[in-house]
């Protein structure tokens, strides 16, 4: 507080008008005023001004009713000891053994016992003046302190209200920032839920399309079980079909598991979105509440005393937990969205790989069927050629058998000739019936004819055996050709026809 320095005035006025402290501007007049604290120099100057002197005396001489400079010690007056009264005092000595001796006892009268000296009286006056000045000084200090207290209180109140308003603005901004983050997170989660729902429908479409390859593979296996007799073999097309059915089963199991994971992830996504929506709604209400509080002023008409407003509810959370709760919600959203994106990418890779594997296996089955059909066509053609050859040989054998039979019959004529000759020669008389050279030649001819006939009969027997074998081979070839044609019909006219309806890679991918 600023003070005026002026010369000392009369002691009757403890504090004159000129010595009054300057009235500074307070927060009552100006709420933006900031008070100044008095310094030590101001306080010492003010205390010196409170010392009084009588008017007309030098400032260096104290008044007569105050302690004089004689006997002062360090500026504070000391009382002198009071001695006995001299012999000129009235009264008589009436006490003590030595009372008759002059000078041994003071003369006693009604004034001889004095309670205070002049110095003590002056000291008392100085003490009274100092006490009065101290009281007045204290009242001035209390008044100044009250004014300063008012100034400080109003300044503190204004500053506190400004700080609270700024804090409310900062709090509202923090709430609005988190609310904006939650709003963006809710929009992103809604987009993720929509994208994951599209992938789920795509997966279900892929599962529906997957039934067709499974039905085709099972139908092909079932039809190929109808192959006759020796054609019912475990060939490469059957192995490829079994491998295709196994692949379809594995893919179907993976797709069903992925569908379950997607539905669970979709449930988690909706739960996180609902939590963020609840948090966003609560932050919206809190932001509106703080916005109203930020606009409240001392001149506002909607302010009231609210008893118990400073009471902290048990349901209140700390600022750390408040921010932690929202951050945990946003972290949960980030983790959930990351898992959902990974699941979508995994599903896309699964469907792409599954479609590729199925088409690759389907191509392997079709190549195996085509190769098998080509092989069956070749063996059928070979068997038909062999059948034609067998039929030709059968016809030739029958002709040869006929020739042998004619030749054997023709041999009978020669045998009859030679036997007739021998019989005629056996009719020769006596000596003429000799074993001459002709006789021996005729007998040799008979033997030769018999051997020739036997050889031709043996050859005829072989020809007939060959004919029978050729007939059997013809029957077998005809049956084999019939089996091959039935097998070719199953593989080509049924299986390949079914395989022509195998879904494309796009359809298997769920599009």
Foldseek 3Di string as FASTA:
>chain_A
DDFDQDAADALVDQADPNRAGDDDDFCVRPLVDDDDDDDPVRVVSSVVNRDHAHPPDDPVAHDQLAAGPVCDDPNAHDDDDDDFDDPVDDAAFDDDPCRVDPPPDGHDDPCRDDDDDSNVRNNVVVVVSVVVSVVVVVVSVVVVVVRNCRRVVSNVVVVVLVVVLVVLVVVLVVLVVLLVVLVVLLVVLVVLLVVLVVLLLLLVLLLVLLVLLLVLLVVLLVLLCPQDDPSNDCAPLNVLSVVLNVLSVVLNVVSVVLSVVSVVLSVLSVVLSVVSVVSSVVSVVVSVVSVVVSPDDPPDPPDDDDPPPPPDDPPDDDPVVVVVVSVVSVVSSVVSSVVSVVSSVVLLVSLLVSLVVSVVSLVSSVVRLVVVLVVLVVVLVVLVVVLVVLVVVLVVLVVVLVVLVVVLVVLVVVLVVLVVVLVVLCPDDDPSSDCDDVNVVSVVVNVVSVVVSVVSVVVSVVSVVSSVVSVVSSVVSVVSSVSSVSSSCSSPVPSVVSSVPRDHSVSSSSD
